[in-house]
Amino acid sequence: MPELRRDPITGRWVIFSKERGRRPSDFASEDRDPVVASCPFCTGNEQQTPPELYAVRSMGSPPNTPGWSVRVVPNKYPALRVEGDLEKAGDGIYDSMNGVGAHEVFVEGAEHSTSMTALPHAVVRAAVRAFRIRMLDLKRDRRLAYALVFKNVGRRAGASQPHNHSQLIATPVVPITVQQEMAGARRFFDYRGRCIYCDIVRQERAQGARVLLDTKEFVALVPYAARFPFETWVLPTRHVSHFEDSPEAELDQFADALLTTLSRLERALGAPAYNLVIHTSPFVDGPLEHYHWHAEIMPRVTMTAGFEWGSGFYINPVMPEDAVRFVLHGDRT
C-alpha cells in the first residue's frame, strides 16, 4: 500500500509508492564525466578563468598561478552580475529589478578529480572555510539578501565541468524555497517554542531508523518525508541559524561529516550524479531561534516528471528507512 508523508517544516506531502519503484540496489549508477584533455580548473590553466577572488595557496605563490589547493573565481557565465543598482520597478501587478548579485565558483583541488570524496580532508575543510569567508564578504553588500552555496555533480545534476567545484549565488531576494522553510519553522516555533530542526535531530537520533551518520557535532539523516530516493540532510546538532556564524572548528567537523556521508552514498549507489545545497538564514536577519542551517544532498537517481511539476507532490519509490538500511548495511529488501 502506498503511503503519504507530510514534511513537518513546509507542509509538503510526499507519496511513497514502493509498487512503482525498484529495489534500492537498482538505483545504483555512475554518472561522472571522464577526464577532459584541457580542464580550465586544473592547475596550470589559471588564465582560463577570471582572476581569483580568494585562494588557499602555498607560501609565496602569486595569485592566478599554480600553488593553490582551493581557488574562488567569478563564474565566467554568471547568472547575476555584481555591477549596478537594483532599480526596482513596477508595471501594474508585475515587479522587476536589475539582475544584481554575485556568482562565484569554488575550485576544489588543483589536480583533476570528479569526486569530492577523493580529495584530502584538508582540501575539503579549506573549501568549506572558503564558503564562510566569501559569504561574510558578500554580506557587507547591502544590495544582497541571501547567498546559496550549491554543488552540481554529474551531467544529470546539471554540472557543466567535471572537475570538483562548488558555486555560490548571492541574490537581492530570499529564495522562495528558503522562505517556505523559514515560514514553516516559524509556525512550529510560535506554537511549541522550539526549533523544529533541533527537534528533528533529537527525534531521529532517538529512533535511529533514518540516521546515516551521528557524531557529536553533526547528524546526517534521510528525512521522514524525503522527496527523492536517498535524499540526505546534514544538520549541526548545536542550534545555529547562519552558516557563516559557525566557528571554523565546527565547519571542519561539517566538512568531515559531509565527506563521510558522501562516501557512504557513493559506495552504495555507484557514484551517482547529485545536487548539494546549503540552506542558511538571510543576510539581513540576526541570529534566529526558529531556523537552523543545514545541507541537503539529492542523488539524481530518478526523474521528476509531469505529476510532480504539476501538483507539487513528489513520488518517492524508496522508503527512507529502506534507503538507510541499504546505504549502511547493503540490505536490499
Protein backbone atom coordinates (compact mmCIF):
# COMPACT_ATOMS: atom_id res chain seq x y z
CA MET A 1 0.00 0.00 0.00
CA PRO A 2 1.44 3.44 -0.89
CA GLU A 3 1.99 5.86 1.99
CA LEU A 4 1.73 9.66 2.12
CA ARG A 5 4.04 11.52 4.48
CA ARG A 6 3.92 15.20 5.35
CA ASP A 7 7.09 17.25 5.73
CA PRO A 8 6.71 18.87 9.16
CA ILE A 9 8.58 22.02 8.10
CA THR A 10 7.00 23.10 4.80
CA GLY A 11 3.79 21.04 4.93
CA ARG A 12 4.71 19.44 1.60
CA TRP A 13 3.29 15.94 1.07
CA VAL A 14 5.31 13.10 -0.46
CA ILE A 15 3.88 9.90 -1.92
CA PHE A 16 5.91 6.79 -1.14
CA SER A 17 4.97 4.15 -3.69
CA LYS A 18 7.18 1.09 -3.43
CA GLU A 19 5.00 -0.64 -6.03
CA ARG A 20 6.17 1.89 -8.63
CA GLY A 21 9.78 1.55 -7.68
CA ARG A 22 12.54 -0.95 -7.71
CA ARG A 23 14.77 -2.42 -5.08
CA PRO A 24 17.14 0.16 -3.55
CA SER A 25 20.05 -1.61 -5.24
CA ASP A 26 18.52 -0.93 -8.66
CA PHE A 27 19.22 2.77 -8.25
CA ALA A 28 22.98 2.25 -8.29
CA SER A 29 24.50 4.17 -11.19
CA GLU A 30 27.55 6.09 -12.25
CA ASP A 31 27.22 9.48 -13.89
CA ARG A 32 30.54 11.31 -13.87
CA ASP A 33 32.15 12.87 -16.90
CA PRO A 34 35.52 11.46 -17.94
CA VAL A 35 38.72 13.45 -17.63
CA VAL A 36 38.88 16.13 -20.31
CA ALA A 37 42.02 17.00 -22.24
CA SER A 38 42.16 20.63 -21.16
CA CYS A 39 40.27 21.36 -17.97
CA PRO A 40 40.09 25.10 -17.14
CA PHE A 41 40.01 24.29 -13.43
CA CYS A 42 43.22 22.23 -13.33
CA THR A 43 46.48 23.69 -12.06
CA GLY A 44 48.44 25.35 -14.85
CA ASN A 45 45.27 26.60 -16.55
CA GLU A 46 44.61 29.53 -14.19
CA GLN A 47 44.47 32.01 -17.09
CA GLN A 48 41.40 30.21 -18.47
CA THR A 49 39.29 31.50 -15.58
CA PRO A 50 38.56 35.05 -14.44
CA PRO A 51 41.06 36.40 -11.88
CA GLU A 52 40.67 34.77 -8.47
CA LEU A 53 38.77 36.44 -5.64
CA TYR A 54 40.30 34.24 -2.95
CA ALA A 55 42.63 31.25 -2.81
CA VAL A 56 44.25 28.90 -0.36
CA ARG A 57 47.88 28.90 -1.51
CA SER A 58 51.29 27.64 -0.55
CA MET A 59 53.60 30.25 0.92
CA GLY A 60 54.75 32.80 -1.63
CA SER A 61 52.84 31.68 -4.70
CA PRO A 62 51.34 34.70 -6.51
CA PRO A 63 47.64 34.95 -7.45
CA ASN A 64 46.41 33.23 -10.61
CA THR A 65 49.37 30.86 -10.79
CA PRO A 66 49.90 27.25 -9.63
CA GLY A 67 50.45 26.60 -5.94
CA TRP A 68 46.84 26.57 -4.71
CA SER A 69 44.54 23.95 -3.24
CA VAL A 70 41.27 25.95 -3.38
CA ARG A 71 40.50 28.85 -5.73
CA VAL A 72 37.44 31.11 -5.80
CA VAL A 73 36.79 32.87 -9.11
CA PRO A 74 33.83 34.73 -10.62
CA ASN A 75 31.69 32.49 -12.81
CA LYS A 76 32.63 33.09 -16.44
CA TYR A 77 28.95 32.97 -17.39
CA PRO A 78 27.23 34.49 -14.35
CA ALA A 79 23.54 34.22 -13.60
CA LEU A 80 23.74 37.62 -11.87
CA ARG A 81 26.29 40.43 -12.04
CA VAL A 82 27.77 42.36 -9.15
CA GLU A 83 27.84 45.70 -11.00
CA GLY A 84 24.95 48.17 -10.95
CA ASP A 85 21.98 49.23 -8.84
CA LEU A 86 18.82 47.23 -8.22
CA GLU A 87 16.47 49.87 -9.69
CA LYS A 88 13.31 48.15 -8.51
CA ALA A 89 10.33 48.90 -10.73
CA GLY A 90 6.65 48.07 -11.04
CA ASP A 91 4.40 47.62 -14.03
CA GLY A 92 0.84 47.16 -12.78
CA ILE A 93 0.78 43.82 -10.97
CA TYR A 94 4.33 42.98 -12.09
CA ASP A 95 7.60 43.71 -10.26
CA SER A 96 11.12 43.73 -11.60
CA MET A 97 14.67 44.77 -10.73
CA ASN A 98 18.10 44.59 -12.28
CA GLY A 99 19.90 41.26 -12.09
CA VAL A 100 22.37 42.37 -9.44
CA GLY A 101 24.10 39.71 -7.40
CA ALA A 102 27.21 37.57 -7.31
CA HIS A 103 28.04 34.22 -8.91
CA GLU A 104 31.27 32.57 -7.80
CA VAL A 105 32.97 29.22 -8.38
CA PHE A 106 34.96 27.35 -5.73
CA VAL A 107 37.50 25.09 -7.43
CA GLU A 108 38.34 22.26 -5.04
CA GLY A 109 41.70 20.57 -5.58
CA ALA A 110 44.35 21.59 -8.08
CA GLU A 111 44.62 18.13 -9.62
CA HIS A 112 41.77 16.79 -11.74
CA SER A 113 39.21 14.82 -9.76
CA THR A 114 35.46 14.39 -10.20
CA SER A 115 34.60 13.24 -6.69
CA MET A 116 34.83 15.30 -3.53
CA THR A 117 35.42 12.06 -1.64
CA ALA A 118 38.73 11.65 -3.47
CA LEU A 119 40.05 14.93 -2.07
CA PRO A 120 42.18 15.15 1.08
CA HIS A 121 40.21 16.17 4.16
CA ALA A 122 42.34 19.30 4.42
CA VAL A 123 41.22 20.48 0.96
CA VAL A 124 37.52 19.92 1.73
CA ARG A 125 37.93 21.73 5.04
CA ALA A 126 39.61 24.61 3.24
CA ALA A 127 36.77 24.75 0.70
CA VAL A 128 34.12 24.87 3.44
CA ARG A 129 36.04 27.63 5.19
CA ALA A 130 36.16 29.48 1.88
CA PHE A 131 32.35 29.31 1.69
CA ARG A 132 32.23 31.12 5.02
CA ILE A 133 34.84 33.72 4.04
CA ARG A 134 33.06 34.64 0.83
CA MET A 135 29.64 34.75 2.50
CA LEU A 136 30.95 37.11 5.17
CA ASP A 137 32.42 39.34 2.47
CA LEU A 138 29.23 39.42 0.39
CA LYS A 139 27.13 40.01 3.50
CA ARG A 140 28.58 43.51 3.67
CA ASP A 141 26.91 44.39 0.36
CA ARG A 142 23.58 45.95 1.36
CA ARG A 143 22.08 45.13 -2.06
CA LEU A 144 22.26 41.40 -1.31
CA ALA A 145 19.81 39.46 0.85
CA TYR A 146 20.92 35.85 0.56
CA ALA A 147 23.74 33.53 -0.53
CA LEU A 148 23.17 29.96 -1.66
CA VAL A 149 26.13 27.58 -1.80
CA PHE A 150 25.49 24.58 -4.03
CA LYS A 151 27.27 21.76 -5.84
CA ASN A 152 26.20 20.03 -9.07
CA VAL A 153 27.98 16.72 -9.67
CA GLY A 154 27.44 14.78 -12.91
CA ARG A 155 25.60 15.67 -16.08
CA ARG A 156 22.18 14.61 -14.74
CA ALA A 157 22.67 17.12 -11.92
CA GLY A 158 23.47 19.97 -14.31
CA ALA A 159 27.27 20.06 -13.99
CA SER A 160 29.00 21.70 -16.95
CA GLN A 161 32.52 21.00 -15.69
CA PRO A 162 33.59 17.62 -14.24
CA HIS A 163 36.40 18.99 -12.05
CA ASN A 164 35.43 19.22 -8.37
CA HIS A 165 33.80 22.56 -7.72
CA SER A 166 31.00 24.27 -5.84
CA GLN A 167 29.22 27.53 -6.58
CA LEU A 168 27.74 30.45 -4.69
CA ILE A 169 25.00 32.72 -5.98
CA ALA A 170 24.11 35.76 -3.90
CA THR A 171 20.69 37.27 -4.66
CA PRO A 172 18.89 40.50 -3.76
CA VAL A 173 15.85 38.49 -2.57
CA VAL A 174 15.46 35.41 -0.36
CA PRO A 175 14.75 32.29 -2.48
CA ILE A 176 11.16 31.04 -2.25
CA THR A 177 12.23 27.57 -1.06
CA VAL A 178 14.08 29.08 1.88
CA GLN A 179 11.13 31.38 2.59
CA GLN A 180 8.85 28.32 2.77
CA GLU A 181 11.22 26.51 5.13
CA MET A 182 11.55 29.56 7.34
CA ALA A 183 7.80 30.13 7.44
CA GLY A 184 7.15 26.53 8.45
CA ALA A 185 9.88 26.68 11.09
CA ARG A 186 8.41 29.94 12.41
CA ARG A 187 4.94 28.42 12.74
CA PHE A 188 6.35 25.47 14.68
CA PHE A 189 8.35 27.78 16.95
CA ASP A 190 5.37 30.04 17.63
CA TYR A 191 3.26 27.00 18.59
CA ARG A 192 5.80 24.96 20.55
CA GLY A 193 8.57 27.39 21.45
CA ARG A 194 11.28 25.16 19.94
CA CYS A 195 13.32 24.92 16.74
CA ILE A 196 11.84 22.19 14.56
CA TYR A 197 15.26 21.25 13.20
CA CYS A 198 16.56 20.73 16.73
CA ASP A 199 13.52 18.55 17.41
CA ILE A 200 14.18 16.56 14.23
CA VAL A 201 17.78 15.95 15.31
CA ARG A 202 16.67 14.78 18.77
CA GLN A 203 13.89 12.52 17.50
CA GLU A 204 15.91 10.97 14.67
CA ARG A 205 18.83 10.28 16.99
CA ALA A 206 16.49 8.60 19.46
CA GLN A 207 14.76 6.47 16.81
CA GLY A 208 17.83 5.77 14.66
CA ALA A 209 15.97 4.26 11.68
CA ARG A 210 16.71 7.17 9.32
CA VAL A 211 20.20 8.16 10.56
CA LEU A 212 23.20 7.68 8.25
CA LEU A 213 25.79 9.35 10.49
CA ASP A 214 25.74 10.54 14.10
CA THR A 215 28.65 12.48 15.58
CA LYS A 216 28.86 14.92 18.45
CA GLU A 217 28.60 17.93 16.13
CA PHE A 218 26.56 16.69 13.12
CA VAL A 219 23.84 14.26 12.15
CA ALA A 220 23.19 13.01 8.61
CA LEU A 221 19.72 11.57 8.04
CA VAL A 222 17.24 10.64 5.34
CA PRO A 223 14.28 12.91 6.15
CA TYR A 224 10.94 11.42 7.14
CA ALA A 225 9.27 12.83 4.00
CA ALA A 226 12.24 12.63 1.63
CA ARG A 227 11.34 13.95 -1.82
CA PHE A 228 13.84 11.76 -3.67
CA PRO A 229 15.38 8.31 -3.14
CA PHE A 230 18.35 8.62 -0.76
CA GLU A 231 17.83 12.36 -0.16
CA THR A 232 20.01 13.16 2.85
CA TRP A 233 20.28 16.14 5.20
CA VAL A 234 23.35 17.05 7.24
CA LEU A 235 22.47 19.15 10.31
CA PRO A 236 24.56 20.64 13.11
CA THR A 237 23.50 19.27 16.48
CA ARG A 238 24.06 22.72 18.01
CA HIS A 239 21.47 25.34 17.10
CA VAL A 240 22.97 27.84 14.64
CA SER A 241 20.80 29.83 12.24
CA HIS A 242 23.55 31.19 9.97
CA PHE A 243 26.18 29.01 8.31
CA GLU A 244 28.67 31.88 8.30
CA ASP A 245 28.30 32.29 12.09
CA SER A 246 29.69 28.81 12.69
CA PRO A 247 33.26 28.77 14.06
CA GLU A 248 35.99 27.30 11.88
CA ALA A 249 36.43 24.25 14.10
CA GLU A 250 32.75 23.41 13.70
CA LEU A 251 32.91 23.87 9.94
CA ASP A 252 35.88 21.49 9.86
CA GLN A 253 33.64 18.91 11.52
CA PHE A 254 30.95 19.67 8.93
CA ALA A 255 33.45 19.01 6.13
CA ASP A 256 34.36 15.66 7.72
CA ALA A 257 30.70 14.69 8.19
CA LEU A 258 29.95 15.67 4.59
CA LEU A 259 32.80 13.55 3.27
CA THR A 260 31.73 10.51 5.30
CA THR A 261 28.11 10.87 4.20
CA LEU A 262 29.01 11.28 0.52
CA SER A 263 31.37 8.31 0.73
CA ARG A 264 28.59 6.10 2.08
CA LEU A 265 26.15 7.25 -0.59
CA GLU A 266 28.68 6.77 -3.38
CA ARG A 267 29.67 3.31 -2.15
CA ALA A 268 26.03 2.24 -2.10
CA LEU A 269 24.89 3.93 -5.31
CA GLY A 270 27.94 3.74 -7.55
CA ALA A 271 28.93 7.41 -7.66
CA PRO A 272 25.64 8.88 -8.90
CA ALA A 273 25.06 12.44 -10.02
CA TYR A 274 23.83 14.60 -7.17
CA ASN A 275 22.98 18.13 -6.12
CA LEU A 276 24.06 19.55 -2.78
CA VAL A 277 22.74 22.81 -1.30
CA ILE A 278 23.38 24.67 1.93
CA HIS A 279 20.31 26.40 3.34
CA THR A 280 21.08 29.18 5.79
CA SER A 281 19.36 32.28 7.14
CA PRO A 282 19.19 35.54 5.16
CA PHE A 283 21.91 38.15 5.47
CA VAL A 284 19.51 40.74 6.81
CA ASP A 285 18.45 38.65 9.82
CA GLY A 286 20.32 38.42 13.09
CA PRO A 287 20.54 35.11 14.96
CA LEU A 288 17.19 33.30 14.70
CA GLU A 289 15.73 30.95 17.29
CA HIS A 290 13.43 29.19 14.84
CA TYR A 291 15.68 28.44 11.82
CA HIS A 292 18.68 26.11 11.65
CA TRP A 293 21.20 25.97 8.78
CA HIS A 294 21.70 22.60 7.11
CA ALA A 295 22.90 20.89 3.94
CA GLU A 296 20.69 18.83 1.62
CA ILE A 297 22.09 16.14 -0.70
CA MET A 298 19.85 14.92 -3.52
CA PRO A 299 21.16 11.98 -5.59
CA ARG A 300 19.76 12.13 -9.12
CA VAL A 301 18.69 8.51 -9.46
CA THR A 302 15.10 9.16 -10.61
CA MET A 303 13.45 11.76 -12.82
CA THR A 304 11.00 14.49 -11.80
CA ALA A 305 8.06 14.30 -14.22
CA GLY A 306 4.68 15.83 -15.02
CA PHE A 307 2.77 14.90 -11.88
CA GLU A 308 5.49 16.34 -9.63
CA TRP A 309 5.76 19.56 -11.61
CA GLY A 310 2.01 19.95 -11.92
CA SER A 311 0.96 19.10 -8.38
CA GLY A 312 3.82 19.97 -6.04
CA PHE A 313 3.72 16.37 -4.79
CA TYR A 314 6.78 14.17 -5.11
CA ILE A 315 6.65 10.41 -5.71
CA ASN A 316 9.47 8.55 -4.00
CA PRO A 317 9.73 4.80 -4.65
CA VAL A 318 12.15 4.18 -1.75
CA MET A 319 11.07 4.47 1.89
CA PRO A 320 13.61 6.47 3.94
CA GLU A 321 14.12 3.59 6.36
CA ASP A 322 14.87 1.23 3.45
CA ALA A 323 17.34 3.74 2.00
CA VAL A 324 19.29 3.91 5.26
CA ARG A 325 19.41 0.12 5.62
CA PHE A 326 20.72 -0.20 2.07
CA VAL A 327 23.39 2.50 2.42
CA LEU A 328 24.64 1.29 5.81
CA HIS A 329 24.20 -2.46 5.54
CA GLY A 330 23.55 -3.33 1.89
CA ASP A 331 20.08 -4.55 2.87
CA ARG A 332 18.24 -4.97 -0.45
CA THR A 333 14.85 -5.98 0.95
